[in-house]
Amino acid sequence: MIITLEHYFLWFLFYSFVGWMYESILVSCQQHRLVNRGFLNGPLCPIYGTGAILGVAILGNVHNPIIIFLISMVGATILEYTTSWVMEQLFHARWWDYSNFRFNLQGRVCLLGALIFGLGGVGVVLGSQPYVERVTDMIPLPMLHTLVTVLALITIIDLAVTVAGMLGFERVLDSVSQVVQDVAARAGGTWQWGSSAVSDRMRELSQDTVERLRWAVNGVINAQQKRMLKSFPKFQVPDRQDIIDSLRELMGPRR
C-alpha cells in the first residue's frame, strides 16, 4: 500500500511538471517573455498532477478512448471549476479568467479547455502512463522511499511559503494604494484611482517620481506576490483592479 502511494506521488509530481511546462510555454509565448506559470515556486502545476492521478486511478482499466475522453473532459472541468472557486475563497482573488472564450462558465472554465483536457486524459491513460509506471517500477525500494521523502518535504515547504506569501494580499494592496498617493502628494501632485488609464497617469509624472514609486512599492509587496502578478496575467482582486494595474505598470520595463 505504501509503495503504491509513493508511486502515485511520483506520478503526481511528473504530471504536475508536464502541466507546468505546458502552461509556462503557452503563457511565455503569449507574453513574449519567460513566465514561471506554476502556483508554487517550483516547476509544478498541481492541478494537472491531480487531474492526471484521478484519471489514472479511475480510468486505468478503461481502454475505450471515447469513454476516456468524455470522462476526462467532464472530470477536468469540474476539477478546474472547483479549484478556481476554492482559490478565490481562500485568497479573495481570481487567478484565471476565460470570459473572452466562447462557451465559458463564469469565466472559470470553457469548452476549449475542456476539449484539451479530454485529449490530455486520453494521452495520459493510453499513452504515457504505461511508460511512467514502467520507470517507477524500476526504482529500488530504498531509493524510492528516500526520493519520495525528500520531494514531499520540498513540496510541502514550497506550498507553505507560497500560501503564507499570498495570504492577506488585500491588505497589501491597501498599503500600496496609500504609498502611491503619499509619494504622488510629496511630489506636488495627486493620484486619483480610476480617474484615467494607469499608463496615462504614469506619463504625467516625472521620471524621478516614477522611480520613487517603484522603490516605495517594492518595500510593500513581497517577492511571492510580485511573481504571482507576473505569472497570472488574469489575476484579479475585486474592487482593487486599478491598484493591480498600477502595480503591473510599476513592475514593468522602465521608461
C-alpha atoms as a PDB file:
ATOM      1  CA  MET A   1       0.000   0.000   0.000  1.00  0.00           C
ATOM      2  CA  ILE A   2       2.788   2.430   0.948  1.00  0.00           C
ATOM      3  CA  ILE A   3       4.706   1.662  -2.244  1.00  0.00           C
ATOM      4  CA  THR A   4       1.565   2.278  -4.297  1.00  0.00           C
ATOM      5  CA  LEU A   5       1.048   5.653  -2.632  1.00  0.00           C
ATOM      6  CA  GLU A   6       4.694   6.552  -3.234  1.00  0.00           C
ATOM      7  CA  HIS A   7       4.306   5.701  -6.907  1.00  0.00           C
ATOM      8  CA  TYR A   8       1.183   7.817  -7.116  1.00  0.00           C
ATOM      9  CA  PHE A   9       3.047  10.711  -5.529  1.00  0.00           C
ATOM     10  CA  LEU A  10       5.850  10.474  -8.088  1.00  0.00           C
ATOM     11  CA  TRP A  11       3.284  10.313 -10.887  1.00  0.00           C
ATOM     12  CA  PHE A  12       1.604  13.389  -9.408  1.00  0.00           C
ATOM     13  CA  LEU A  13       4.892  15.294  -9.471  1.00  0.00           C
ATOM     14  CA  PHE A  14       5.673  14.160 -13.003  1.00  0.00           C
ATOM     15  CA  TYR A  15       2.341  15.268 -14.453  1.00  0.00           C
ATOM     16  CA  SER A  16       2.442  18.477 -12.408  1.00  0.00           C
ATOM     17  CA  PHE A  17       5.789  19.202 -14.057  1.00  0.00           C
ATOM     18  CA  VAL A  18       4.404  18.390 -17.520  1.00  0.00           C
ATOM     19  CA  GLY A  19       1.477  20.731 -16.811  1.00  0.00           C
ATOM     20  CA  TRP A  20       3.889  23.437 -15.683  1.00  0.00           C
ATOM     21  CA  MET A  21       5.851  23.047 -18.918  1.00  0.00           C
ATOM     22  CA  TYR A  22       2.668  23.308 -20.989  1.00  0.00           C
ATOM     23  CA  GLU A  23       1.360  26.363 -19.116  1.00  0.00           C
ATOM     24  CA  SER A  24       4.721  28.148 -18.981  1.00  0.00           C
ATOM     25  CA  ILE A  25       5.436  27.684 -22.693  1.00  0.00           C
ATOM     26  CA  LEU A  26       1.908  28.776 -23.631  1.00  0.00           C
ATOM     27  CA  VAL A  27       1.897  31.895 -21.450  1.00  0.00           C
ATOM     28  CA  SER A  28       5.524  32.753 -22.294  1.00  0.00           C
ATOM     29  CA  CYS A  29       4.623  32.762 -25.994  1.00  0.00           C
ATOM     30  CA  GLN A  30       1.569  34.930 -25.300  1.00  0.00           C
ATOM     31  CA  GLN A  31       3.501  37.377 -23.102  1.00  0.00           C
ATOM     32  CA  HIS A  32       6.729  37.319 -25.188  1.00  0.00           C
ATOM     33  CA  ARG A  33       8.772  36.716 -22.034  1.00  0.00           C
ATOM     34  CA  LEU A  34       9.721  33.795 -19.802  1.00  0.00           C
ATOM     35  CA  VAL A  35       6.982  33.087 -17.253  1.00  0.00           C
ATOM     36  CA  ASN A  36       7.011  30.660 -14.319  1.00  0.00           C
ATOM     37  CA  ARG A  37       3.348  29.767 -14.603  1.00  0.00           C
ATOM     38  CA  GLY A  38       3.056  27.490 -11.586  1.00  0.00           C
ATOM     39  CA  PHE A  39       1.188  28.444  -8.432  1.00  0.00           C
ATOM     40  CA  LEU A  40       4.121  27.034  -6.493  1.00  0.00           C
ATOM     41  CA  ASN A  41       7.617  28.461  -6.781  1.00  0.00           C
ATOM     42  CA  GLY A  42       8.953  25.167  -8.086  1.00  0.00           C
ATOM     43  CA  PRO A  43       8.198  23.862 -11.597  1.00  0.00           C
ATOM     44  CA  LEU A  44       4.839  22.327 -10.720  1.00  0.00           C
ATOM     45  CA  CYS A  45       1.189  22.933 -11.600  1.00  0.00           C
ATOM     46  CA  PRO A  46      -0.574  20.726  -9.038  1.00  0.00           C
ATOM     47  CA  ILE A  47      -3.953  20.905 -10.752  1.00  0.00           C
ATOM     48  CA  TYR A  48      -2.520  18.954 -13.701  1.00  0.00           C
ATOM     49  CA  GLY A  49      -0.962  16.355 -11.431  1.00  0.00           C
ATOM     50  CA  THR A  50      -4.210  15.976  -9.511  1.00  0.00           C
ATOM     51  CA  GLY A  51      -6.234  15.572 -12.697  1.00  0.00           C
ATOM     52  CA  ALA A  52      -3.817  13.041 -14.144  1.00  0.00           C
ATOM     53  CA  ILE A  53      -3.740  10.935 -10.973  1.00  0.00           C
ATOM     54  CA  LEU A  54      -7.531  10.918 -10.728  1.00  0.00           C
ATOM     55  CA  GLY A  55      -7.675   9.872 -14.376  1.00  0.00           C
ATOM     56  CA  VAL A  56      -5.202   7.044 -13.839  1.00  0.00           C
ATOM     57  CA  ALA A  57      -6.994   5.848 -10.700  1.00  0.00           C
ATOM     58  CA  ILE A  58     -10.486   5.963 -12.226  1.00  0.00           C
ATOM     59  CA  LEU A  59      -9.785   5.111 -15.865  1.00  0.00           C
ATOM     60  CA  GLY A  60      -6.725   2.888 -15.553  1.00  0.00           C
ATOM     61  CA  ASN A  61      -8.661  -0.202 -16.672  1.00  0.00           C
ATOM     62  CA  VAL A  62     -10.677   1.572 -19.383  1.00  0.00           C
ATOM     63  CA  HIS A  63      -9.410   1.121 -22.941  1.00  0.00           C
ATOM     64  CA  ASN A  64     -12.116   2.888 -24.959  1.00  0.00           C
ATOM     65  CA  PRO A  65     -10.642   6.281 -25.979  1.00  0.00           C
ATOM     66  CA  ILE A  66     -14.083   7.865 -26.415  1.00  0.00           C
ATOM     67  CA  ILE A  67     -15.131   6.978 -22.872  1.00  0.00           C
ATOM     68  CA  ILE A  68     -11.780   8.156 -21.524  1.00  0.00           C
ATOM     69  CA  PHE A  69     -12.110  11.414 -23.470  1.00  0.00           C
ATOM     70  CA  LEU A  70     -15.638  12.162 -22.219  1.00  0.00           C
ATOM     71  CA  ILE A  71     -14.955  11.301 -18.582  1.00  0.00           C
ATOM     72  CA  SER A  72     -11.648  13.210 -18.621  1.00  0.00           C
ATOM     73  CA  MET A  73     -13.304  16.237 -20.191  1.00  0.00           C
ATOM     74  CA  VAL A  74     -16.096  16.370 -17.620  1.00  0.00           C
ATOM     75  CA  GLY A  75     -13.865  15.460 -14.675  1.00  0.00           C
ATOM     76  CA  ALA A  76     -11.168  18.004 -15.523  1.00  0.00           C
ATOM     77  CA  THR A  77     -13.789  20.726 -15.996  1.00  0.00           C
ATOM     78  CA  ILE A  78     -15.256  20.010 -12.557  1.00  0.00           C
ATOM     79  CA  LEU A  79     -11.758  19.983 -11.050  1.00  0.00           C
ATOM     80  CA  GLU A  80     -10.790  23.291 -12.672  1.00  0.00           C
ATOM     81  CA  TYR A  81     -14.053  24.986 -11.668  1.00  0.00           C
ATOM     82  CA  THR A  82     -13.737  23.743  -8.087  1.00  0.00           C
ATOM     83  CA  THR A  83     -10.084  24.801  -7.879  1.00  0.00           C
ATOM     84  CA  SER A  84     -10.941  28.282  -9.161  1.00  0.00           C
ATOM     85  CA  TRP A  85     -13.730  28.658  -6.598  1.00  0.00           C
ATOM     86  CA  VAL A  86     -11.659  27.359  -3.672  1.00  0.00           C
ATOM     87  CA  MET A  87      -8.688  29.602  -4.506  1.00  0.00           C
ATOM     88  CA  GLU A  88     -10.996  32.591  -4.801  1.00  0.00           C
ATOM     89  CA  GLN A  89     -12.463  31.872  -1.365  1.00  0.00           C
ATOM     90  CA  LEU A  90      -9.008  31.382   0.156  1.00  0.00           C
ATOM     91  CA  PHE A  91      -7.198  34.344  -1.407  1.00  0.00           C
ATOM     92  CA  HIS A  92     -10.163  36.574  -2.387  1.00  0.00           C
ATOM     93  CA  ALA A  93      -8.813  36.750  -5.926  1.00  0.00           C
ATOM     94  CA  ARG A  94      -9.453  35.284  -9.366  1.00  0.00           C
ATOM     95  CA  TRP A  95      -6.393  33.574 -10.810  1.00  0.00           C
ATOM     96  CA  TRP A  96      -7.593  32.956 -14.367  1.00  0.00           C
ATOM     97  CA  ASP A  97     -10.491  34.146 -16.477  1.00  0.00           C
ATOM     98  CA  TYR A  98     -11.970  32.573 -19.608  1.00  0.00           C
ATOM     99  CA  SER A  99     -14.615  35.252 -20.081  1.00  0.00           C
ATOM    100  CA  ASN A 100     -13.196  36.080 -23.519  1.00  0.00           C
ATOM    101  CA  PHE A 101     -13.639  32.471 -24.662  1.00  0.00           C
ATOM    102  CA  ARG A 102     -16.875  31.194 -26.118  1.00  0.00           C
ATOM    103  CA  PHE A 103     -18.949  28.742 -24.086  1.00  0.00           C
ATOM    104  CA  ASN A 104     -17.419  29.593 -20.717  1.00  0.00           C
ATOM    105  CA  LEU A 105     -18.985  29.189 -17.279  1.00  0.00           C
ATOM    106  CA  GLN A 106     -18.487  32.254 -15.069  1.00  0.00           C
ATOM    107  CA  GLY A 107     -15.051  32.641 -16.632  1.00  0.00           C
ATOM    108  CA  ARG A 108     -13.782  29.704 -14.565  1.00  0.00           C
ATOM    109  CA  VAL A 109     -13.908  27.034 -17.286  1.00  0.00           C
ATOM    110  CA  CYS A 110     -14.515  26.976 -21.024  1.00  0.00           C
ATOM    111  CA  LEU A 111     -15.296  24.467 -23.752  1.00  0.00           C
ATOM    112  CA  LEU A 112     -11.883  24.758 -25.427  1.00  0.00           C
ATOM    113  CA  GLY A 113     -10.111  23.953 -22.178  1.00  0.00           C
ATOM    114  CA  ALA A 114     -12.428  21.003 -21.560  1.00  0.00           C
ATOM    115  CA  LEU A 115     -11.659  19.569 -25.003  1.00  0.00           C
ATOM    116  CA  ILE A 116      -7.916  19.943 -24.433  1.00  0.00           C
ATOM    117  CA  PHE A 117      -8.168  18.218 -21.059  1.00  0.00           C
ATOM    118  CA  GLY A 118     -10.224  15.428 -22.623  1.00  0.00           C
ATOM    119  CA  LEU A 119      -7.490  14.809 -25.166  1.00  0.00           C
ATOM    120  CA  GLY A 120      -4.917  15.039 -22.394  1.00  0.00           C
ATOM    121  CA  GLY A 121      -6.743  12.339 -20.468  1.00  0.00           C
ATOM    122  CA  VAL A 122      -6.577  10.007 -23.456  1.00  0.00           C
ATOM    123  CA  GLY A 123      -2.882  10.784 -23.869  1.00  0.00           C
ATOM    124  CA  VAL A 124      -2.147  10.050 -20.222  1.00  0.00           C
ATOM    125  CA  VAL A 125      -4.211   6.873 -19.753  1.00  0.00           C
ATOM    126  CA  LEU A 126      -3.458   5.224 -23.081  1.00  0.00           C
ATOM    127  CA  GLY A 127      -0.173   6.902 -23.970  1.00  0.00           C
ATOM    128  CA  SER A 128       2.272   7.980 -21.301  1.00  0.00           C
ATOM    129  CA  GLN A 129       1.117   6.197 -18.141  1.00  0.00           C
ATOM    130  CA  PRO A 130       2.272   2.655 -19.080  1.00  0.00           C
ATOM    131  CA  TYR A 131       5.797   4.005 -19.662  1.00  0.00           C
ATOM    132  CA  VAL A 132       5.693   6.118 -16.494  1.00  0.00           C
ATOM    133  CA  GLU A 133       4.696   3.074 -14.457  1.00  0.00           C
ATOM    134  CA  ARG A 134       7.468   1.049 -16.039  1.00  0.00           C
ATOM    135  CA  VAL A 135      10.064   3.623 -15.000  1.00  0.00           C
ATOM    136  CA  THR A 136       8.817   3.998 -11.409  1.00  0.00           C
ATOM    137  CA  ASP A 137       8.698   0.196 -11.018  1.00  0.00           C
ATOM    138  CA  MET A 138      12.426   0.122 -11.803  1.00  0.00           C
ATOM    139  CA  ILE A 139      13.350   2.362  -8.843  1.00  0.00           C
ATOM    140  CA  PRO A 140      14.854   0.306  -5.975  1.00  0.00           C
ATOM    141  CA  LEU A 141      12.748   0.475  -2.805  1.00  0.00           C
ATOM    142  CA  PRO A 142      15.360   2.213  -0.572  1.00  0.00           C
ATOM    143  CA  MET A 143      15.862   4.861  -3.258  1.00  0.00           C
ATOM    144  CA  LEU A 144      12.101   5.174  -3.746  1.00  0.00           C
ATOM    145  CA  HIS A 145      11.484   5.850  -0.050  1.00  0.00           C
ATOM    146  CA  THR A 146      14.282   8.422   0.133  1.00  0.00           C
ATOM    147  CA  LEU A 147      13.256  10.149  -3.089  1.00  0.00           C
ATOM    148  CA  VAL A 148       9.607  10.438  -2.070  1.00  0.00           C
ATOM    149  CA  THR A 149      10.517  11.718   1.411  1.00  0.00           C
ATOM    150  CA  VAL A 150      12.819  14.442   0.068  1.00  0.00           C
ATOM    151  CA  LEU A 151      10.446  15.530  -2.703  1.00  0.00           C
ATOM    152  CA  ALA A 152       7.471  15.549  -0.328  1.00  0.00           C
ATOM    153  CA  LEU A 153       9.315  17.795   2.123  1.00  0.00           C
ATOM    154  CA  ILE A 154      10.347  20.192  -0.641  1.00  0.00           C
ATOM    155  CA  THR A 155       6.789  20.322  -1.990  1.00  0.00           C
ATOM    156  CA  ILE A 156       5.255  20.921   1.450  1.00  0.00           C
ATOM    157  CA  ILE A 157       7.729  23.709   2.210  1.00  0.00           C
ATOM    158  CA  ASP A 158       7.088  25.283  -1.191  1.00  0.00           C
ATOM    159  CA  LEU A 159       3.328  25.148  -0.605  1.00  0.00           C
ATOM    160  CA  ALA A 160       3.659  26.686   2.861  1.00  0.00           C
ATOM    161  CA  VAL A 161       5.878  29.516   1.586  1.00  0.00           C
ATOM    162  CA  THR A 162       3.532  30.211  -1.326  1.00  0.00           C
ATOM    163  CA  VAL A 163       0.357  30.300   0.764  1.00  0.00           C
ATOM    164  CA  ALA A 164       1.984  32.392   3.503  1.00  0.00           C
ATOM    165  CA  GLY A 165       3.250  34.857   0.918  1.00  0.00           C
ATOM    166  CA  MET A 166      -0.199  35.367  -0.616  1.00  0.00           C
ATOM    167  CA  LEU A 167      -2.413  35.491   2.473  1.00  0.00           C
ATOM    168  CA  GLY A 168      -3.522  38.999   3.351  1.00  0.00           C
ATOM    169  CA  PHE A 169      -2.800  40.275  -0.164  1.00  0.00           C
ATOM    170  CA  GLU A 170      -5.824  42.594   0.007  1.00  0.00           C
ATOM    171  CA  ARG A 171      -4.251  44.426   2.951  1.00  0.00           C
ATOM    172  CA  VAL A 172      -1.035  44.742   0.966  1.00  0.00           C
ATOM    173  CA  LEU A 173      -2.973  46.326  -1.887  1.00  0.00           C
ATOM    174  CA  ASP A 174      -4.484  48.849   0.524  1.00  0.00           C
ATOM    175  CA  SER A 175      -0.959  49.689   1.708  1.00  0.00           C
ATOM    176  CA  VAL A 176       0.193  50.083  -1.909  1.00  0.00           C
ATOM    177  CA  SER A 177      -2.706  52.462  -2.563  1.00  0.00           C
ATOM    178  CA  GLN A 178      -1.692  54.647   0.381  1.00  0.00           C
ATOM    179  CA  VAL A 179       2.007  54.559  -0.553  1.00  0.00           C
ATOM    180  CA  VAL A 180       1.329  55.602  -4.145  1.00  0.00           C
ATOM    181  CA  GLN A 181      -0.853  58.515  -3.058  1.00  0.00           C
ATOM    182  CA  ASP A 182       1.698  59.648  -0.453  1.00  0.00           C
ATOM    183  CA  VAL A 183       4.581  59.629  -2.962  1.00  0.00           C
ATOM    184  CA  ALA A 184       2.495  61.490  -5.532  1.00  0.00           C
ATOM    185  CA  ALA A 185       1.499  64.074  -2.903  1.00  0.00           C
ATOM    186  CA  ARG A 186       5.113  64.655  -1.839  1.00  0.00           C
ATOM    187  CA  ALA A 187       5.963  65.227  -5.493  1.00  0.00           C
ATOM    188  CA  GLY A 188       3.373  68.004  -5.621  1.00  0.00           C
ATOM    189  CA  GLY A 189       0.723  66.036  -7.494  1.00  0.00           C
ATOM    190  CA  THR A 190      -2.214  63.718  -6.898  1.00  0.00           C
ATOM    191  CA  TRP A 191      -3.060  60.169  -7.859  1.00  0.00           C
ATOM    192  CA  GLN A 192      -6.755  59.683  -8.480  1.00  0.00           C
ATOM    193  CA  TRP A 193      -7.585  55.991  -8.597  1.00  0.00           C
ATOM    194  CA  GLY A 194      -9.696  55.116 -11.603  1.00  0.00           C
ATOM    195  CA  SER A 195      -9.633  58.664 -12.990  1.00  0.00           C
ATOM    196  CA  SER A 196      -7.806  57.610 -16.160  1.00  0.00           C
ATOM    197  CA  ALA A 197      -5.757  54.781 -17.604  1.00  0.00           C
ATOM    198  CA  VAL A 198      -2.776  53.851 -15.431  1.00  0.00           C
ATOM    199  CA  SER A 199      -0.372  54.383 -18.328  1.00  0.00           C
ATOM    200  CA  ASP A 200      -1.717  57.937 -18.804  1.00  0.00           C
ATOM    201  CA  ARG A 201      -1.250  58.754 -15.131  1.00  0.00           C
ATOM    202  CA  MET A 202       2.292  57.368 -15.240  1.00  0.00           C
ATOM    203  CA  ARG A 203       3.174  59.612 -18.179  1.00  0.00           C
ATOM    204  CA  GLU A 204       2.001  62.655 -16.219  1.00  0.00           C
ATOM    205  CA  LEU A 205       4.625  62.003 -13.529  1.00  0.00           C
ATOM    206  CA  SER A 206       8.295  62.872 -13.687  1.00  0.00           C
ATOM    207  CA  GLN A 207      10.882  60.110 -14.078  1.00  0.00           C
ATOM    208  CA  ASP A 208      12.115  60.806 -10.541  1.00  0.00           C
ATOM    209  CA  THR A 209       8.605  60.403  -9.121  1.00  0.00           C
ATOM    210  CA  VAL A 210       8.067  57.153 -11.022  1.00  0.00           C
ATOM    211  CA  GLU A 211      11.342  55.769  -9.643  1.00  0.00           C
ATOM    212  CA  ARG A 212      10.294  56.773  -6.134  1.00  0.00           C
ATOM    213  CA  LEU A 213       7.007  54.953  -6.685  1.00  0.00           C
ATOM    214  CA  ARG A 214       8.846  51.841  -7.831  1.00  0.00           C
ATOM    215  CA  TRP A 215      11.108  51.941  -4.790  1.00  0.00           C
ATOM    216  CA  ALA A 216       8.222  52.551  -2.367  1.00  0.00           C
ATOM    217  CA  VAL A 217       6.050  49.788  -3.843  1.00  0.00           C
ATOM    218  CA  ASN A 218       8.959  47.319  -3.720  1.00  0.00           C
ATOM    219  CA  GLY A 219       9.106  47.931   0.015  1.00  0.00           C
ATOM    220  CA  VAL A 220       5.465  46.927   0.456  1.00  0.00           C
ATOM    221  CA  ILE A 221       4.916  43.948  -1.845  1.00  0.00           C
ATOM    222  CA  ASN A 222       6.913  40.755  -1.340  1.00  0.00           C
ATOM    223  CA  ALA A 223       8.670  38.602  -3.925  1.00  0.00           C
ATOM    224  CA  GLN A 224       5.922  35.950  -3.860  1.00  0.00           C
ATOM    225  CA  GLN A 225       3.235  38.497  -4.676  1.00  0.00           C
ATOM    226  CA  LYS A 226       5.324  40.031  -7.453  1.00  0.00           C
ATOM    227  CA  ARG A 227       5.800  36.639  -9.076  1.00  0.00           C
ATOM    228  CA  MET A 228       2.102  35.850  -8.942  1.00  0.00           C
ATOM    229  CA  LEU A 229       1.196  39.130 -10.633  1.00  0.00           C
ATOM    230  CA  LYS A 230       3.685  38.386 -13.399  1.00  0.00           C
ATOM    231  CA  SER A 231       2.757  34.708 -13.738  1.00  0.00           C
ATOM    232  CA  PHE A 232      -1.013  35.173 -13.852  1.00  0.00           C
ATOM    233  CA  PRO A 233      -1.944  37.994 -16.261  1.00  0.00           C
ATOM    234  CA  LYS A 234      -5.646  37.462 -15.463  1.00  0.00           C
ATOM    235  CA  PHE A 235      -5.123  37.705 -11.685  1.00  0.00           C
ATOM    236  CA  GLN A 236      -7.910  39.901 -10.323  1.00  0.00           C
ATOM    237  CA  VAL A 237      -8.933  41.210  -6.913  1.00  0.00           C
ATOM    238  CA  PRO A 238     -12.496  42.615  -6.814  1.00  0.00           C
ATOM    239  CA  ASP A 239     -12.699  46.397  -6.262  1.00  0.00           C
ATOM    240  CA  ARG A 240      -8.903  46.714  -6.385  1.00  0.00           C
ATOM    241  CA  GLN A 241      -8.177  46.094 -10.040  1.00  0.00           C
ATOM    242  CA  ASP A 242      -6.884  49.628 -10.566  1.00  0.00           C
ATOM    243  CA  ILE A 243      -4.253  49.033  -7.889  1.00  0.00           C
ATOM    244  CA  ILE A 244      -3.316  45.728  -9.556  1.00  0.00           C
ATOM    245  CA  ASP A 245      -2.918  47.513 -12.907  1.00  0.00           C
ATOM    246  CA  SER A 246      -0.733  50.160 -11.278  1.00  0.00           C
ATOM    247  CA  LEU A 247       1.451  47.504  -9.678  1.00  0.00           C
ATOM    248  CA  ARG A 248       1.958  45.778 -13.018  1.00  0.00           C
ATOM    249  CA  GLU A 249       2.839  49.116 -14.619  1.00  0.00           C
ATOM    250  CA  LEU A 250       5.376  49.890 -11.898  1.00  0.00           C
ATOM    251  CA  MET A 251       6.880  46.399 -12.144  1.00  0.00           C
ATOM    252  CA  GLY A 252       7.142  46.659 -15.922  1.00  0.00           C
ATOM    253  CA  PRO A 253      10.103  47.900 -18.004  1.00  0.00           C
ATOM    254  CA  ARG A 254      11.431  51.293 -17.000  1.00  0.00           C
ATOM    255  CA  ARG A 255      10.607  54.202 -19.260  1.00  0.00           C
END
